[in-house]
């Protein structure tokens, strides 16, 4: 792909929430790891919009358009319980949801979707669902026992920024590089 870069927009989570959730999962699962291929805690975030492959011009148009937009105020987030896509009996993704802040996250995602489309990226096909991916399962598995074993983790934090990340794919999995940070209002 030459100079192509793989991009996505996300709300980062604070390190103390990341570490607390990782500890909570370890304690709840009695030291066992999540089924499938767990996502490293350092990579946890709330994806607002996966962009995909772009060139530098596309990236520059996107960042300029976001810079010129009022993204809205900061908002409080409270994590919730675990869930699974497409369903717990045949899951391909295990995630943690939001008890609070989901509406604000959805509004922010919708605003970014409009911006992304205006600068020429393809429209998103599936509806937005606020979640933090914890593990990917191939093939799909029944994760109902895992979901039952892990109580909700009601960590709270303030969502104060949207970050444009570049995803570097490699043999050891993806690594994310923060390219631009867009602060939310006070």
Protein backbone atom coordinates (compact mmCIF):
# COMPACT_ATOMS: atom_id res chain seq x y z
CA UNK A 1 0.00 0.00 0.00
CA UNK A 2 2.99 2.34 -0.14
CA UNK A 3 2.34 5.36 2.06
CA UNK A 4 -1.10 4.13 3.15
CA UNK A 5 -1.93 4.34 6.83
CA UNK A 6 -4.67 2.52 8.75
CA UNK A 7 -6.67 4.94 10.92
CA UNK A 8 -9.38 5.01 13.58
CA UNK A 9 -10.88 7.55 16.00
CA UNK A 10 -11.35 6.63 19.65
CA UNK A 11 -11.84 7.84 23.20
CA UNK A 12 -8.83 6.76 25.25
CA UNK A 13 -9.21 5.45 28.78
CA UNK A 14 -7.00 6.57 31.67
CA UNK A 15 -4.22 4.29 32.85
CA UNK A 16 -5.73 3.88 36.33
CA UNK A 17 -8.98 2.57 34.78
CA UNK A 18 -7.01 0.29 32.44
CA UNK A 19 -4.98 -1.17 35.31
CA UNK A 20 -8.04 -1.49 37.56
CA UNK A 21 -10.03 -3.33 34.90
CA UNK A 22 -7.12 -5.67 34.14
CA UNK A 23 -6.81 -6.50 37.86
CA UNK A 24 -10.59 -6.97 38.16
CA UNK A 25 -10.58 -9.44 35.25
CA UNK A 26 -7.64 -11.39 36.69
CA UNK A 27 -9.28 -11.60 40.12
CA UNK A 28 -12.72 -12.53 38.75
CA UNK A 29 -11.30 -15.24 36.47
CA UNK A 30 -9.04 -16.63 39.24
CA UNK A 31 -5.89 -15.85 37.28
CA UNK A 32 -7.09 -17.38 34.01
CA UNK A 33 -7.12 -15.25 30.88
CA UNK A 34 -10.13 -14.43 28.76
CA UNK A 35 -10.89 -16.97 26.03
CA UNK A 36 -9.68 -16.30 22.50
CA UNK A 37 -7.00 -13.72 21.81
CA UNK A 38 -7.14 -11.10 24.56
CA UNK A 39 -6.43 -7.49 23.61
CA UNK A 40 -3.50 -6.12 25.61
CA UNK A 41 -4.70 -3.59 28.22
CA UNK A 42 -2.35 -0.98 26.73
CA UNK A 43 -4.49 -1.09 23.57
CA UNK A 44 -7.91 -0.67 25.25
CA UNK A 45 -10.02 2.27 24.05
CA UNK A 46 -13.56 3.07 22.93
CA UNK A 47 -13.55 3.11 19.12
CA UNK A 48 -15.81 5.83 17.75
CA UNK A 49 -15.09 5.26 14.07
CA UNK A 50 -12.80 2.85 12.25
CA UNK A 51 -11.59 4.71 9.15
CA UNK A 52 -9.42 2.09 7.47
CA UNK A 53 -6.71 2.73 4.93
CA UNK A 54 -5.91 6.31 3.97
CA UNK A 55 -3.12 8.34 2.44
CA UNK A 56 -1.55 11.44 3.98
CA UNK A 57 -3.93 13.75 2.09
CA UNK A 58 -6.96 11.91 3.50
CA UNK A 59 -5.51 12.09 6.99
CA UNK A 60 -4.82 15.82 6.60
CA UNK A 61 -8.37 16.51 5.35
CA UNK A 62 -9.81 14.54 8.26
CA UNK A 63 -7.75 16.28 10.94
CA UNK A 64 -8.51 19.72 9.46
CA UNK A 65 -12.24 18.98 9.42
CA UNK A 66 -12.22 17.74 13.03
CA UNK A 67 -10.15 20.77 14.10
CA UNK A 68 -12.84 23.05 12.63
CA UNK A 69 -15.67 21.29 14.49
CA UNK A 70 -16.88 21.75 18.03
CA UNK A 71 -16.92 18.18 19.32
CA UNK A 72 -18.99 18.94 22.38
CA UNK A 73 -18.39 18.84 26.11
CA UNK A 74 -16.44 16.37 28.20
CA UNK A 75 -18.64 13.70 29.74
CA UNK A 76 -18.58 11.16 32.52
CA UNK A 77 -18.21 7.47 31.72
CA UNK A 78 -18.91 4.56 34.02
CA UNK A 79 -17.95 1.10 32.86
CA UNK A 80 -20.48 -1.69 33.14
CA UNK A 81 -20.55 -5.43 32.71
CA UNK A 82 -19.15 -7.78 30.12
CA UNK A 83 -20.98 -8.70 26.95
CA UNK A 84 -20.32 -10.50 23.68
CA UNK A 85 -20.89 -10.00 19.96
CA UNK A 86 -22.85 -11.32 18.19
CA UNK A 87 -24.24 -13.24 21.19
CA UNK A 88 -22.78 -14.98 24.28
CA UNK A 89 -23.51 -18.53 23.07
CA UNK A 90 -21.48 -17.95 19.88
CA UNK A 91 -19.20 -15.02 20.59
CA UNK A 92 -16.53 -13.58 18.34
CA UNK A 93 -15.82 -10.62 20.65
CA UNK A 94 -15.90 -10.21 24.44
CA UNK A 95 -16.30 -6.60 25.53
CA UNK A 96 -17.04 -4.38 28.50
CA UNK A 97 -19.90 -1.96 28.13
CA UNK A 98 -20.87 1.36 29.59
CA UNK A 99 -23.27 1.97 32.44
CA UNK A 100 -23.05 5.73 31.93
CA UNK A 101 -21.88 7.90 29.02
CA UNK A 102 -23.18 5.70 26.22
CA UNK A 103 -25.56 8.33 24.85
CA UNK A 104 -22.83 10.96 24.77
CA UNK A 105 -20.45 8.49 23.14
CA UNK A 106 -23.06 7.69 20.48
CA UNK A 107 -23.64 11.41 19.78
CA UNK A 108 -19.90 11.95 19.40
CA UNK A 109 -19.63 8.94 17.09
CA UNK A 110 -22.50 10.27 14.94
CA UNK A 111 -20.83 13.67 14.67
CA UNK A 112 -17.55 12.06 13.64
CA UNK A 113 -19.38 9.84 11.14
CA UNK A 114 -20.71 12.99 9.45
CA UNK A 115 -17.22 14.52 9.33
CA UNK A 116 -15.64 11.33 8.00
CA UNK A 117 -18.24 11.10 5.21
CA UNK A 118 -17.84 14.79 4.32
CA UNK A 119 -14.10 14.40 3.73
CA UNK A 120 -14.68 11.42 1.44
CA UNK A 121 -14.35 8.22 3.45
CA UNK A 122 -16.87 5.44 2.94
CA UNK A 123 -19.93 5.43 5.20
CA UNK A 124 -20.01 3.05 8.15
CA UNK A 125 -22.35 0.12 7.53
CA UNK A 126 -23.12 -1.09 11.03
CA UNK A 127 -24.69 0.96 13.82
CA UNK A 128 -22.46 2.30 16.58
CA UNK A 129 -22.34 0.31 19.84
CA UNK A 130 -20.16 1.76 22.62
CA UNK A 131 -17.88 -0.98 23.92
CA UNK A 132 -14.29 -1.71 24.87
CA UNK A 133 -13.02 -4.87 23.13
CA UNK A 134 -11.32 -7.25 25.56
CA UNK A 135 -10.84 -10.38 23.43
CA UNK A 136 -11.42 -11.70 19.90
CA UNK A 137 -12.45 -15.31 19.42
CA UNK A 138 -11.80 -17.35 16.26
CA UNK A 139 -13.66 -19.65 15.99
CA UNK A 140 -16.67 -18.37 17.90
CA UNK A 141 -17.13 -19.76 21.41
CA UNK A 142 -19.74 -19.96 24.14
CA UNK A 143 -18.63 -17.35 26.69
CA UNK A 144 -21.66 -17.44 29.00
CA UNK A 145 -19.59 -18.91 31.88
CA UNK A 146 -17.02 -16.12 31.53
CA UNK A 147 -19.69 -13.41 31.48
CA UNK A 148 -21.28 -14.94 34.59
CA UNK A 149 -17.92 -15.07 36.41
CA UNK A 150 -17.05 -11.40 35.97
CA UNK A 151 -19.20 -8.88 37.87
CA UNK A 152 -19.54 -5.33 36.52
CA UNK A 153 -16.54 -3.07 37.06
CA UNK A 154 -18.04 0.38 37.77
CA UNK A 155 -14.89 2.44 37.16
CA UNK A 156 -15.54 6.10 36.36
CA UNK A 157 -13.59 8.59 34.29
CA UNK A 158 -14.11 11.74 32.27
CA UNK A 159 -13.98 11.38 28.50
CA UNK A 160 -12.02 14.49 27.61
CA UNK A 161 -10.58 13.84 24.14
CA UNK A 162 -10.91 12.05 20.83
CA UNK A 163 -7.69 10.59 19.46
CA UNK A 164 -6.82 9.76 15.86
CA UNK A 165 -4.76 6.58 15.97
CA UNK A 166 -2.72 4.80 13.36
CA UNK A 167 -2.93 1.02 13.58
CA UNK A 168 0.33 -0.75 12.71
CA UNK A 169 -0.31 -4.38 11.85
CA UNK A 170 2.48 -6.85 12.57
CA UNK A 171 3.30 -10.43 13.48
CA UNK A 172 2.78 -9.71 17.17
CA UNK A 173 -0.59 -8.09 16.52
CA UNK A 174 -1.64 -4.50 16.17
CA UNK A 175 0.13 -1.55 17.77
CA UNK A 176 -1.54 1.84 18.00
CA UNK A 177 0.18 5.18 17.56
CA UNK A 178 -1.49 8.41 18.67
CA UNK A 179 -1.36 10.84 15.74
CA UNK A 180 -3.68 13.68 16.79
CA UNK A 181 -5.59 14.55 19.95
CA UNK A 182 -8.78 16.62 19.84
CA UNK A 183 -9.85 17.96 23.22
CA UNK A 184 -13.52 17.98 24.21
CA UNK A 185 -14.97 21.17 25.73
CA UNK A 186 -15.12 21.97 29.45
